[in-house]
């Protein structure tokens, strides 16, 4: 099998997406090693983290990496030691692909903080390819009732949004503010509403605002506008540090702001009285655990999520990233194989 080839996107040298830093190439198809499975990719979501990897906002972990970590596909081969996944299974590959299992973070259930953690589409080649090899222990069973294109964004946008919601510590029936309304936010807003939250959306772009309204937001306004009510919790999805003091100031007493992104521009100085006093909290979100993924995917069975997607042919991944960068996508972009 190793003599076979496949088509894949590779980051030539990280640079602004407007300069076309990726190449569409033919490359070798790898065999699965012990504990791994080989998956034929059916669909791959386009995440903002892919843009950060491609543009160099994140340091290089693998030279000429293939991005993509919202992968839906079919298992076509399994390496030795794989006994719970079989050829023909529809599975998902997400961001987290390895942890040590021994450090104090792994032992206490915080494997997302493992110093030896590794990630799909950053440390290893991802899903902007016809095939992907992944560790079976980090491959996910997928909920029924969804198409491949609906499932793809759930594997990062959905999972990390779910963890962000947990980190925001939203009280039952509380008021949640969402800053930025793309692939992850439009899924998280639905999970919050399923749980009885009142959702207020601050975002740029007419299409994003229209989507927020259609999904039942109690109010929708510009990214820097003040929501009509004090917020019990907020999640910042936009990678814009300037919005941190804006969101903190919108919080009610005891409120929490969770920053969902892996990358954020610099946060301006905070005023203690305006932004932090009265026990307001600022929390980051670092990847997710496999338990988070299982809980979220179970919730997606209990409550059907309306996943808004924009489809791109596999050979137009660079265009998908350009459109994501410029804010043209309402919902989540998905590459179709």
C-alpha atoms as a PDB file:
ATOM      1  CA  UNK A   1       0.000   0.000   0.000  1.00  0.00           C
ATOM      2  CA  UNK A   2       2.903   2.376   0.660  1.00  0.00           C
ATOM      3  CA  UNK A   3       3.642   2.521  -3.071  1.00  0.00           C
ATOM      4  CA  UNK A   4       0.240   4.104  -3.735  1.00  0.00           C
ATOM      5  CA  UNK A   5      -0.203   7.846  -3.882  1.00  0.00           C
ATOM      6  CA  UNK A   6      -2.838  10.405  -2.953  1.00  0.00           C
ATOM      7  CA  UNK A   7      -3.569  14.060  -3.455  1.00  0.00           C
ATOM      8  CA  UNK A   8      -3.073  16.445  -0.544  1.00  0.00           C
ATOM      9  CA  UNK A   9      -2.551  20.078   0.344  1.00  0.00           C
ATOM     10  CA  UNK A  10       0.783  21.015   1.952  1.00  0.00           C
ATOM     11  CA  UNK A  11       1.855  24.263   3.597  1.00  0.00           C
ATOM     12  CA  UNK A  12       4.891  25.275   1.572  1.00  0.00           C
ATOM     13  CA  UNK A  13       5.995  28.112   3.867  1.00  0.00           C
ATOM     14  CA  UNK A  14       3.626  29.769   6.350  1.00  0.00           C
ATOM     15  CA  UNK A  15       2.545  33.179   5.051  1.00  0.00           C
ATOM     16  CA  UNK A  16      -0.625  35.257   4.617  1.00  0.00           C
ATOM     17  CA  UNK A  17      -3.250  33.199   2.816  1.00  0.00           C
ATOM     18  CA  UNK A  18      -3.518  35.932   0.175  1.00  0.00           C
ATOM     19  CA  UNK A  19      -0.022  34.915  -1.005  1.00  0.00           C
ATOM     20  CA  UNK A  20      -1.080  31.272  -1.681  1.00  0.00           C
ATOM     21  CA  UNK A  21       1.295  29.532   0.802  1.00  0.00           C
ATOM     22  CA  UNK A  22      -0.122  26.039   0.150  1.00  0.00           C
ATOM     23  CA  UNK A  23       0.619  23.578  -2.669  1.00  0.00           C
ATOM     24  CA  UNK A  24      -1.753  20.928  -4.036  1.00  0.00           C
ATOM     25  CA  UNK A  25       0.490  17.885  -4.502  1.00  0.00           C
ATOM     26  CA  UNK A  26       0.637  14.155  -5.117  1.00  0.00           C
ATOM     27  CA  UNK A  27       2.307  12.361  -2.229  1.00  0.00           C
ATOM     28  CA  UNK A  28       2.837   8.856  -0.864  1.00  0.00           C
ATOM     29  CA  UNK A  29       0.032   7.056   0.900  1.00  0.00           C
ATOM     30  CA  UNK A  30       1.250   5.695   4.254  1.00  0.00           C
ATOM     31  CA  UNK A  31       0.401   2.361   5.861  1.00  0.00           C
ATOM     32  CA  UNK A  32      -1.178   2.406   9.343  1.00  0.00           C
ATOM     33  CA  UNK A  33       1.264   1.433  12.092  1.00  0.00           C
ATOM     34  CA  UNK A  34       0.467  -0.360  15.348  1.00  0.00           C
ATOM     35  CA  UNK A  35      -2.695   1.077  16.890  1.00  0.00           C
ATOM     36  CA  UNK A  36      -3.487   3.217  13.831  1.00  0.00           C
ATOM     37  CA  UNK A  37      -6.171   3.217  11.159  1.00  0.00           C
ATOM     38  CA  UNK A  38      -6.112   4.449   7.567  1.00  0.00           C
ATOM     39  CA  UNK A  39      -9.168   6.506   6.682  1.00  0.00           C
ATOM     40  CA  UNK A  40     -10.486   7.571   3.290  1.00  0.00           C
ATOM     41  CA  UNK A  41     -11.553  11.180   3.794  1.00  0.00           C
ATOM     42  CA  UNK A  42     -15.118  12.014   2.762  1.00  0.00           C
ATOM     43  CA  UNK A  43     -15.299  15.558   4.124  1.00  0.00           C
ATOM     44  CA  UNK A  44     -13.047  17.899   6.098  1.00  0.00           C
ATOM     45  CA  UNK A  45     -14.122  21.042   7.884  1.00  0.00           C
ATOM     46  CA  UNK A  46     -12.139  24.245   7.457  1.00  0.00           C
ATOM     47  CA  UNK A  47     -11.264  25.666  10.874  1.00  0.00           C
ATOM     48  CA  UNK A  48      -9.704  28.984  11.816  1.00  0.00           C
ATOM     49  CA  UNK A  49      -6.868  27.015  13.421  1.00  0.00           C
ATOM     50  CA  UNK A  50      -6.016  25.737   9.920  1.00  0.00           C
ATOM     51  CA  UNK A  51      -5.633  29.370   8.934  1.00  0.00           C
ATOM     52  CA  UNK A  52      -3.355  30.036  11.922  1.00  0.00           C
ATOM     53  CA  UNK A  53      -1.174  27.046  10.944  1.00  0.00           C
ATOM     54  CA  UNK A  54      -1.046  28.125   7.302  1.00  0.00           C
ATOM     55  CA  UNK A  55      -0.303  31.778   7.983  1.00  0.00           C
ATOM     56  CA  UNK A  56       2.295  31.146  10.705  1.00  0.00           C
ATOM     57  CA  UNK A  57       0.359  32.491  13.697  1.00  0.00           C
ATOM     58  CA  UNK A  58       1.240  29.124  15.259  1.00  0.00           C
ATOM     59  CA  UNK A  59       4.857  27.903  15.216  1.00  0.00           C
ATOM     60  CA  UNK A  60       5.803  25.179  12.749  1.00  0.00           C
ATOM     61  CA  UNK A  61       5.527  21.725  14.318  1.00  0.00           C
ATOM     62  CA  UNK A  62       5.785  19.723  11.087  1.00  0.00           C
ATOM     63  CA  UNK A  63       7.413  21.060   7.932  1.00  0.00           C
ATOM     64  CA  UNK A  64       5.084  21.017   4.903  1.00  0.00           C
ATOM     65  CA  UNK A  65       2.190  19.842   7.055  1.00  0.00           C
ATOM     66  CA  UNK A  66      -1.219  18.979   5.624  1.00  0.00           C
ATOM     67  CA  UNK A  67      -3.818  21.011   7.592  1.00  0.00           C
ATOM     68  CA  UNK A  68      -7.258  19.839   8.618  1.00  0.00           C
ATOM     69  CA  UNK A  69      -8.656  18.338  11.822  1.00  0.00           C
ATOM     70  CA  UNK A  70     -12.409  18.074  11.277  1.00  0.00           C
ATOM     71  CA  UNK A  71     -12.274  14.843   9.312  1.00  0.00           C
ATOM     72  CA  UNK A  72     -15.122  12.494   8.458  1.00  0.00           C
ATOM     73  CA  UNK A  73     -14.214   9.345   6.584  1.00  0.00           C
ATOM     74  CA  UNK A  74     -14.371   5.579   6.176  1.00  0.00           C
ATOM     75  CA  UNK A  75     -11.840   3.184   7.670  1.00  0.00           C
ATOM     76  CA  UNK A  76     -10.100   1.312   4.845  1.00  0.00           C
ATOM     77  CA  UNK A  77      -7.304  -0.433   6.772  1.00  0.00           C
ATOM     78  CA  UNK A  78      -6.236  -1.049  10.362  1.00  0.00           C
ATOM     79  CA  UNK A  79      -2.807  -1.669  11.809  1.00  0.00           C
ATOM     80  CA  UNK A  80      -1.923  -4.344  14.368  1.00  0.00           C
ATOM     81  CA  UNK A  81      -3.541  -3.937  17.772  1.00  0.00           C
ATOM     82  CA  UNK A  82      -6.734  -2.264  16.556  1.00  0.00           C
ATOM     83  CA  UNK A  83      -9.700  -4.349  17.676  1.00  0.00           C
ATOM     84  CA  UNK A  84     -12.560  -1.902  18.292  1.00  0.00           C
ATOM     85  CA  UNK A  85     -12.691  -0.277  14.840  1.00  0.00           C
ATOM     86  CA  UNK A  86     -13.275  -2.227  11.662  1.00  0.00           C
ATOM     87  CA  UNK A  87     -12.910  -1.591   7.964  1.00  0.00           C
ATOM     88  CA  UNK A  88     -16.007   0.173   6.671  1.00  0.00           C
ATOM     89  CA  UNK A  89     -16.751   2.140   9.857  1.00  0.00           C
ATOM     90  CA  UNK A  90     -17.596   5.833   9.463  1.00  0.00           C
ATOM     91  CA  UNK A  91     -15.420   7.715  11.949  1.00  0.00           C
ATOM     92  CA  UNK A  92     -14.185  11.175  12.815  1.00  0.00           C
ATOM     93  CA  UNK A  93     -10.695  12.549  13.393  1.00  0.00           C
ATOM     94  CA  UNK A  94     -10.388  15.670  15.552  1.00  0.00           C
ATOM     95  CA  UNK A  95      -7.658  18.043  16.781  1.00  0.00           C
ATOM     96  CA  UNK A  96      -6.259  15.995  19.715  1.00  0.00           C
ATOM     97  CA  UNK A  97      -4.364  12.911  18.492  1.00  0.00           C
ATOM     98  CA  UNK A  98      -1.929  11.950  21.276  1.00  0.00           C
ATOM     99  CA  UNK A  99      -1.319  12.380  25.006  1.00  0.00           C
ATOM    100  CA  UNK A 100       1.121  10.564  27.278  1.00  0.00           C
ATOM    101  CA  UNK A 101      -1.477   9.134  29.681  1.00  0.00           C
ATOM    102  CA  UNK A 102       1.021   9.314  32.568  1.00  0.00           C
ATOM    103  CA  UNK A 103       1.567  12.955  33.536  1.00  0.00           C
ATOM    104  CA  UNK A 104      -0.341  14.605  36.373  1.00  0.00           C
ATOM    105  CA  UNK A 105      -2.639  16.356  33.908  1.00  0.00           C
ATOM    106  CA  UNK A 106      -3.612  13.144  32.125  1.00  0.00           C
ATOM    107  CA  UNK A 107      -4.079  11.305  35.421  1.00  0.00           C
ATOM    108  CA  UNK A 108      -6.469  13.930  36.777  1.00  0.00           C
ATOM    109  CA  UNK A 109      -8.569  14.090  33.599  1.00  0.00           C
ATOM    110  CA  UNK A 110      -6.976  17.136  31.982  1.00  0.00           C
ATOM    111  CA  UNK A 111      -5.282  15.447  29.037  1.00  0.00           C
ATOM    112  CA  UNK A 112      -5.736  18.603  26.969  1.00  0.00           C
ATOM    113  CA  UNK A 113      -2.966  20.118  29.123  1.00  0.00           C
ATOM    114  CA  UNK A 114      -0.556  17.203  28.624  1.00  0.00           C
ATOM    115  CA  UNK A 115       2.946  18.552  27.802  1.00  0.00           C
ATOM    116  CA  UNK A 116       3.346  15.729  25.272  1.00  0.00           C
ATOM    117  CA  UNK A 117       0.022  16.341  23.503  1.00  0.00           C
ATOM    118  CA  UNK A 118       0.030  16.210  19.701  1.00  0.00           C
ATOM    119  CA  UNK A 119      -2.465  17.573  17.210  1.00  0.00           C
ATOM    120  CA  UNK A 120      -3.914  16.651  13.826  1.00  0.00           C
ATOM    121  CA  UNK A 121      -2.982  19.053  11.060  1.00  0.00           C
ATOM    122  CA  UNK A 122      -0.181  20.600  13.113  1.00  0.00           C
ATOM    123  CA  UNK A 123       2.060  17.846  14.519  1.00  0.00           C
ATOM    124  CA  UNK A 124       0.881  15.281  11.954  1.00  0.00           C
ATOM    125  CA  UNK A 125      -0.712  15.499   8.528  1.00  0.00           C
ATOM    126  CA  UNK A 126      -4.408  16.242   8.596  1.00  0.00           C
ATOM    127  CA  UNK A 127      -7.520  15.971   6.506  1.00  0.00           C
ATOM    128  CA  UNK A 128      -6.873  18.243   3.530  1.00  0.00           C
ATOM    129  CA  UNK A 129      -6.024  14.990   1.777  1.00  0.00           C
ATOM    130  CA  UNK A 130      -7.675  11.966   0.226  1.00  0.00           C
ATOM    131  CA  UNK A 131      -6.503   9.729   3.096  1.00  0.00           C
ATOM    132  CA  UNK A 132      -5.389  10.221   6.688  1.00  0.00           C
ATOM    133  CA  UNK A 133      -3.668   7.937   9.215  1.00  0.00           C
ATOM    134  CA  UNK A 134      -4.814   8.405  12.817  1.00  0.00           C
ATOM    135  CA  UNK A 135      -4.343   6.670  16.194  1.00  0.00           C
ATOM    136  CA  UNK A 136      -7.417   4.499  16.762  1.00  0.00           C
ATOM    137  CA  UNK A 137      -7.607   5.557  20.424  1.00  0.00           C
ATOM    138  CA  UNK A 138      -8.279   9.143  19.324  1.00  0.00           C
ATOM    139  CA  UNK A 139     -10.752   8.368  16.539  1.00  0.00           C
ATOM    140  CA  UNK A 140     -14.389   9.152  17.302  1.00  0.00           C
ATOM    141  CA  UNK A 141     -17.604   7.261  16.747  1.00  0.00           C
ATOM    142  CA  UNK A 142     -20.061   9.552  15.010  1.00  0.00           C
ATOM    143  CA  UNK A 143     -23.718  10.181  15.866  1.00  0.00           C
ATOM    144  CA  UNK A 144     -26.416   9.020  13.454  1.00  0.00           C
ATOM    145  CA  UNK A 145     -28.778  11.397  11.707  1.00  0.00           C
ATOM    146  CA  UNK A 146     -26.138  13.701  10.232  1.00  0.00           C
ATOM    147  CA  UNK A 147     -24.537  13.890   6.806  1.00  0.00           C
ATOM    148  CA  UNK A 148     -20.764  13.826   6.372  1.00  0.00           C
ATOM    149  CA  UNK A 149     -20.713  17.573   5.753  1.00  0.00           C
ATOM    150  CA  UNK A 150     -22.793  18.265   8.868  1.00  0.00           C
ATOM    151  CA  UNK A 151     -20.568  16.059  11.003  1.00  0.00           C
ATOM    152  CA  UNK A 152     -17.240  17.585   9.942  1.00  0.00           C
ATOM    153  CA  UNK A 153     -17.631  20.927  11.801  1.00  0.00           C
ATOM    154  CA  UNK A 154     -18.830  19.111  14.914  1.00  0.00           C
ATOM    155  CA  UNK A 155     -15.366  17.539  15.275  1.00  0.00           C
ATOM    156  CA  UNK A 156     -13.658  20.788  16.259  1.00  0.00           C
ATOM    157  CA  UNK A 157     -16.012  23.724  16.019  1.00  0.00           C
ATOM    158  CA  UNK A 158     -18.565  21.752  17.989  1.00  0.00           C
ATOM    159  CA  UNK A 159     -16.241  20.077  20.477  1.00  0.00           C
ATOM    160  CA  UNK A 160     -14.176  23.163  21.320  1.00  0.00           C
ATOM    161  CA  UNK A 161     -17.328  25.259  21.502  1.00  0.00           C
ATOM    162  CA  UNK A 162     -18.730  22.778  24.000  1.00  0.00           C
ATOM    163  CA  UNK A 163     -15.596  22.987  26.135  1.00  0.00           C
ATOM    164  CA  UNK A 164     -15.710  26.790  25.903  1.00  0.00           C
ATOM    165  CA  UNK A 165     -19.281  26.698  27.171  1.00  0.00           C
ATOM    166  CA  UNK A 166     -18.156  24.590  30.136  1.00  0.00           C
ATOM    167  CA  UNK A 167     -15.278  26.999  30.831  1.00  0.00           C
ATOM    168  CA  UNK A 168     -17.651  29.981  30.701  1.00  0.00           C
ATOM    169  CA  UNK A 169     -19.475  28.548  33.732  1.00  0.00           C
ATOM    170  CA  UNK A 170     -22.909  29.673  32.513  1.00  0.00           C
ATOM    171  CA  UNK A 171     -25.523  29.327  35.280  1.00  0.00           C
ATOM    172  CA  UNK A 172     -28.806  27.531  34.481  1.00  0.00           C
ATOM    173  CA  UNK A 173     -31.075  29.800  32.460  1.00  0.00           C
ATOM    174  CA  UNK A 174     -28.350  32.449  32.327  1.00  0.00           C
ATOM    175  CA  UNK A 175     -27.485  35.080  29.746  1.00  0.00           C
ATOM    176  CA  UNK A 176     -24.648  34.113  27.422  1.00  0.00           C
ATOM    177  CA  UNK A 177     -22.784  36.567  25.208  1.00  0.00           C
ATOM    178  CA  UNK A 178     -21.070  35.268  22.071  1.00  0.00           C
ATOM    179  CA  UNK A 179     -18.422  37.404  20.342  1.00  0.00           C
ATOM    180  CA  UNK A 180     -17.867  36.332  16.746  1.00  0.00           C
ATOM    181  CA  UNK A 181     -20.361  34.047  15.036  1.00  0.00           C
ATOM    182  CA  UNK A 182     -18.669  31.556  12.725  1.00  0.00           C
ATOM    183  CA  UNK A 183     -18.395  27.779  12.574  1.00  0.00           C
ATOM    184  CA  UNK A 184     -17.939  27.149  16.285  1.00  0.00           C
ATOM    185  CA  UNK A 185     -20.172  29.891  17.636  1.00  0.00           C
ATOM    186  CA  UNK A 186     -23.256  28.946  15.630  1.00  0.00           C
ATOM    187  CA  UNK A 187     -23.078  25.401  17.035  1.00  0.00           C
ATOM    188  CA  UNK A 188     -22.347  26.506  20.607  1.00  0.00           C
ATOM    189  CA  UNK A 189     -25.268  28.941  20.565  1.00  0.00           C
ATOM    190  CA  UNK A 190     -27.620  26.038  19.863  1.00  0.00           C
ATOM    191  CA  UNK A 191     -26.200  23.888  22.668  1.00  0.00           C
ATOM    192  CA  UNK A 192     -26.595  26.830  25.058  1.00  0.00           C
ATOM    193  CA  UNK A 193     -30.207  27.388  23.968  1.00  0.00           C
ATOM    194  CA  UNK A 194     -30.982  23.680  24.339  1.00  0.00           C
ATOM    195  CA  UNK A 195     -29.900  24.143  27.968  1.00  0.00           C
ATOM    196  CA  UNK A 196     -32.231  27.090  28.494  1.00  0.00           C
ATOM    197  CA  UNK A 197     -29.770  29.968  28.042  1.00  0.00           C
ATOM    198  CA  UNK A 198     -30.615  33.380  26.647  1.00  0.00           C
ATOM    199  CA  UNK A 199     -28.044  34.057  23.918  1.00  0.00           C
ATOM    200  CA  UNK A 200     -26.811  37.489  22.834  1.00  0.00           C
ATOM    201  CA  UNK A 201     -24.526  37.732  19.800  1.00  0.00           C
ATOM    202  CA  UNK A 202     -21.951  40.401  18.988  1.00  0.00           C
ATOM    203  CA  UNK A 203     -20.414  39.927  15.565  1.00  0.00           C
ATOM    204  CA  UNK A 204     -19.358  41.657  12.384  1.00  0.00           C
ATOM    205  CA  UNK A 205     -20.838  40.836   9.010  1.00  0.00           C
ATOM    206  CA  UNK A 206     -24.412  40.909   7.791  1.00  0.00           C
ATOM    207  CA  UNK A 207     -24.562  37.183   6.970  1.00  0.00           C
ATOM    208  CA  UNK A 208     -23.301  36.161  10.418  1.00  0.00           C
ATOM    209  CA  UNK A 209     -25.836  38.459  12.067  1.00  0.00           C
ATOM    210  CA  UNK A 210     -28.636  37.001   9.942  1.00  0.00           C
ATOM    211  CA  UNK A 211     -27.613  33.470  10.913  1.00  0.00           C
ATOM    212  CA  UNK A 212     -27.568  34.389  14.612  1.00  0.00           C
ATOM    213  CA  UNK A 213     -31.068  35.787  14.326  1.00  0.00           C
ATOM    214  CA  UNK A 214     -32.300  32.710  12.469  1.00  0.00           C
ATOM    215  CA  UNK A 215     -30.888  30.457  15.214  1.00  0.00           C
ATOM    216  CA  UNK A 216     -32.861  32.242  17.905  1.00  0.00           C
ATOM    217  CA  UNK A 217     -30.474  34.754  19.444  1.00  0.00           C
ATOM    218  CA  UNK A 218     -32.252  37.095  21.857  1.00  0.00           C
ATOM    219  CA  UNK A 219     -30.285  40.041  20.439  1.00  0.00           C
ATOM    220  CA  UNK A 220     -27.752  40.584  17.678  1.00  0.00           C
ATOM    221  CA  UNK A 221     -25.446  43.591  17.344  1.00  0.00           C
ATOM    222  CA  UNK A 222     -22.018  44.670  16.157  1.00  0.00           C
ATOM    223  CA  UNK A 223     -18.868  43.101  17.573  1.00  0.00           C
ATOM    224  CA  UNK A 224     -18.025  46.090  19.786  1.00  0.00           C
ATOM    225  CA  UNK A 225     -21.596  46.979  20.760  1.00  0.00           C
ATOM    226  CA  UNK A 226     -22.940  46.586  24.282  1.00  0.00           C
ATOM    227  CA  UNK A 227     -25.570  43.838  24.667  1.00  0.00           C
ATOM    228  CA  UNK A 228     -28.965  45.047  25.936  1.00  0.00           C
ATOM    229  CA  UNK A 229     -28.588  43.192  29.275  1.00  0.00           C
ATOM    230  CA  UNK A 230     -25.676  42.318  31.581  1.00  0.00           C
ATOM    231  CA  UNK A 231     -24.198  38.919  30.756  1.00  0.00           C
ATOM    232  CA  UNK A 232     -23.736  36.013  33.171  1.00  0.00           C
ATOM    233  CA  UNK A 233     -21.080  34.511  30.893  1.00  0.00           C
ATOM    234  CA  UNK A 234     -19.454  35.157  27.540  1.00  0.00           C
ATOM    235  CA  UNK A 235     -17.355  33.320  24.975  1.00  0.00           C
ATOM    236  CA  UNK A 236     -14.918  35.085  22.674  1.00  0.00           C
ATOM    237  CA  UNK A 237     -14.606  33.185  19.394  1.00  0.00           C
ATOM    238  CA  UNK A 238     -13.118  36.004  17.317  1.00  0.00           C
ATOM    239  CA  UNK A 239      -9.278  36.000  17.597  1.00  0.00           C
ATOM    240  CA  UNK A 240      -9.312  39.701  18.479  1.00  0.00           C
ATOM    241  CA  UNK A 241      -7.681  40.729  21.749  1.00  0.00           C
ATOM    242  CA  UNK A 242      -9.304  44.172  21.587  1.00  0.00           C
ATOM    243  CA  UNK A 243     -12.635  42.482  22.343  1.00  0.00           C
ATOM    244  CA  UNK A 244     -11.497  41.115  25.714  1.00  0.00           C
ATOM    245  CA  UNK A 245     -12.085  44.335  27.686  1.00  0.00           C
ATOM    246  CA  UNK A 246     -15.299  44.927  25.725  1.00  0.00           C
ATOM    247  CA  UNK A 247     -16.639  41.507  26.719  1.00  0.00           C
ATOM    248  CA  UNK A 248     -15.440  41.782  30.328  1.00  0.00           C
ATOM    249  CA  UNK A 249     -17.194  45.114  30.727  1.00  0.00           C
ATOM    250  CA  UNK A 250     -20.417  43.537  29.445  1.00  0.00           C
ATOM    251  CA  UNK A 251     -20.354  40.877  32.195  1.00  0.00           C
ATOM    252  CA  UNK A 252     -22.567  41.101  35.250  1.00  0.00           C
ATOM    253  CA  UNK A 253     -21.072  40.544  38.713  1.00  0.00           C
ATOM    254  CA  UNK A 254     -19.441  37.128  38.989  1.00  0.00           C
ATOM    255  CA  UNK A 255     -19.492  36.590  35.235  1.00  0.00           C
ATOM    256  CA  UNK A 256     -16.875  34.613  33.302  1.00  0.00           C
ATOM    257  CA  UNK A 257     -15.359  35.257  29.881  1.00  0.00           C
ATOM    258  CA  UNK A 258     -13.903  32.208  28.109  1.00  0.00           C
ATOM    259  CA  UNK A 259     -11.525  32.784  25.191  1.00  0.00           C
ATOM    260  CA  UNK A 260     -12.061  29.923  22.760  1.00  0.00           C
ATOM    261  CA  UNK A 261      -9.242  30.363  20.252  1.00  0.00           C
ATOM    262  CA  UNK A 262      -5.771  28.848  20.136  1.00  0.00           C
ATOM    263  CA  UNK A 263      -4.473  32.226  18.924  1.00  0.00           C
ATOM    264  CA  UNK A 264      -5.430  35.741  20.002  1.00  0.00           C
ATOM    265  CA  UNK A 265      -4.040  39.134  19.109  1.00  0.00           C
ATOM    266  CA  UNK A 266      -2.655  41.161  22.020  1.00  0.00           C
ATOM    267  CA  UNK A 267      -5.050  42.116  24.806  1.00  0.00           C
ATOM    268  CA  UNK A 268      -4.969  45.846  25.628  1.00  0.00           C
ATOM    269  CA  UNK A 269      -4.491  47.025  29.225  1.00  0.00           C
ATOM    270  CA  UNK A 270      -7.399  46.238  31.540  1.00  0.00           C
ATOM    271  CA  UNK A 271      -8.913  48.572  34.100  1.00  0.00           C
ATOM    272  CA  UNK A 272      -9.417  46.704  37.347  1.00  0.00           C
ATOM    273  CA  UNK A 273     -12.647  48.451  38.366  1.00  0.00           C
ATOM    274  CA  UNK A 274     -14.308  48.333  34.919  1.00  0.00           C
ATOM    275  CA  UNK A 275     -13.192  44.927  33.709  1.00  0.00           C
ATOM    276  CA  UNK A 276     -12.214  42.634  36.589  1.00  0.00           C
ATOM    277  CA  UNK A 277     -13.673  43.780  39.918  1.00  0.00           C
ATOM    278  CA  UNK A 278     -16.876  42.186  41.290  1.00  0.00           C
ATOM    279  CA  UNK A 279     -15.333  38.744  40.738  1.00  0.00           C
ATOM    280  CA  UNK A 280     -15.393  38.725  36.974  1.00  0.00           C
ATOM    281  CA  UNK A 281     -13.135  36.016  35.534  1.00  0.00           C
ATOM    282  CA  UNK A 282     -11.094  35.613  32.350  1.00  0.00           C
ATOM    283  CA  UNK A 283     -10.350  32.029  31.267  1.00  0.00           C
ATOM    284  CA  UNK A 284      -8.550  30.523  28.303  1.00  0.00           C
ATOM    285  CA  UNK A 285      -9.571  27.325  26.530  1.00  0.00           C
ATOM    286  CA  UNK A 286      -6.795  24.885  25.584  1.00  0.00           C
ATOM    287  CA  UNK A 287      -7.852  22.170  23.138  1.00  0.00           C
ATOM    288  CA  UNK A 288     -10.244  19.556  24.537  1.00  0.00           C
ATOM    289  CA  UNK A 289     -10.274  16.150  26.133  1.00  0.00           C
ATOM    290  CA  UNK A 290     -11.681  13.000  24.563  1.00  0.00           C
ATOM    291  CA  UNK A 291     -14.302  13.063  27.313  1.00  0.00           C
ATOM    292  CA  UNK A 292     -15.413  16.495  26.074  1.00  0.00           C
ATOM    293  CA  UNK A 293     -15.778  15.026  22.584  1.00  0.00           C
ATOM    294  CA  UNK A 294     -17.835  12.074  23.789  1.00  0.00           C
ATOM    295  CA  UNK A 295     -20.127  14.305  25.854  1.00  0.00           C
ATOM    296  CA  UNK A 296     -20.660  16.729  23.001  1.00  0.00           C
ATOM    297  CA  UNK A 297     -21.314  14.037  20.383  1.00  0.00           C
ATOM    298  CA  UNK A 298     -23.806  12.427  22.785  1.00  0.00           C
ATOM    299  CA  UNK A 299     -25.541  15.796  23.118  1.00  0.00           C
ATOM    300  CA  UNK A 300     -25.708  15.974  19.319  1.00  0.00           C
ATOM    301  CA  UNK A 301     -27.787  12.784  19.413  1.00  0.00           C
ATOM    302  CA  UNK A 302     -30.126  14.107  22.092  1.00  0.00           C
ATOM    303  CA  UNK A 303     -30.583  17.496  20.392  1.00  0.00           C
ATOM    304  CA  UNK A 304     -30.251  17.745  16.625  1.00  0.00           C
ATOM    305  CA  UNK A 305     -27.905  20.611  15.749  1.00  0.00           C
ATOM    306  CA  UNK A 306     -28.590  22.666  12.644  1.00  0.00           C
ATOM    307  CA  UNK A 307     -25.129  22.846  11.077  1.00  0.00           C
ATOM    308  CA  UNK A 308     -24.846  25.635   8.517  1.00  0.00           C
ATOM    309  CA  UNK A 309     -22.165  24.758   5.973  1.00  0.00           C
ATOM    310  CA  UNK A 310     -20.631  26.233   2.857  1.00  0.00           C
ATOM    311  CA  UNK A 311     -19.182  23.580   0.542  1.00  0.00           C
ATOM    312  CA  UNK A 312     -15.912  23.775  -1.381  1.00  0.00           C
ATOM    313  CA  UNK A 313     -14.381  21.239  -3.773  1.00  0.00           C
ATOM    314  CA  UNK A 314     -11.287  19.521  -2.364  1.00  0.00           C
ATOM    315  CA  UNK A 315      -9.031  21.349  -4.837  1.00  0.00           C
ATOM    316  CA  UNK A 316     -10.306  24.749  -3.600  1.00  0.00           C
ATOM    317  CA  UNK A 317      -9.040  24.533  -0.028  1.00  0.00           C
ATOM    318  CA  UNK A 318      -6.977  27.678  -0.514  1.00  0.00           C
ATOM    319  CA  UNK A 319     -10.090  29.604  -1.569  1.00  0.00           C
ATOM    320  CA  UNK A 320     -11.972  28.306   1.468  1.00  0.00           C
ATOM    321  CA  UNK A 321      -9.230  29.641   3.759  1.00  0.00           C
ATOM    322  CA  UNK A 322      -9.199  32.991   1.949  1.00  0.00           C
ATOM    323  CA  UNK A 323     -12.957  33.298   2.377  1.00  0.00           C
ATOM    324  CA  UNK A 324     -12.651  32.358   6.049  1.00  0.00           C
ATOM    325  CA  UNK A 325      -9.963  34.991   6.547  1.00  0.00           C
ATOM    326  CA  UNK A 326     -12.082  37.715   4.960  1.00  0.00           C
ATOM    327  CA  UNK A 327     -15.223  36.844   6.920  1.00  0.00           C
ATOM    328  CA  UNK A 328     -17.250  35.728   3.898  1.00  0.00           C
ATOM    329  CA  UNK A 329     -18.435  32.414   5.385  1.00  0.00           C
ATOM    330  CA  UNK A 330     -21.670  32.198   7.365  1.00  0.00           C
ATOM    331  CA  UNK A 331     -21.452  29.021   9.412  1.00  0.00           C
ATOM    332  CA  UNK A 332     -18.700  26.508   8.643  1.00  0.00           C
ATOM    333  CA  UNK A 333     -16.745  25.764   5.459  1.00  0.00           C
ATOM    334  CA  UNK A 334     -16.359  22.106   4.472  1.00  0.00           C
ATOM    335  CA  UNK A 335     -14.156  20.508   1.824  1.00  0.00           C
ATOM    336  CA  UNK A 336     -15.851  17.754  -0.165  1.00  0.00           C
ATOM    337  CA  UNK A 337     -13.783  14.868  -1.493  1.00  0.00           C
END
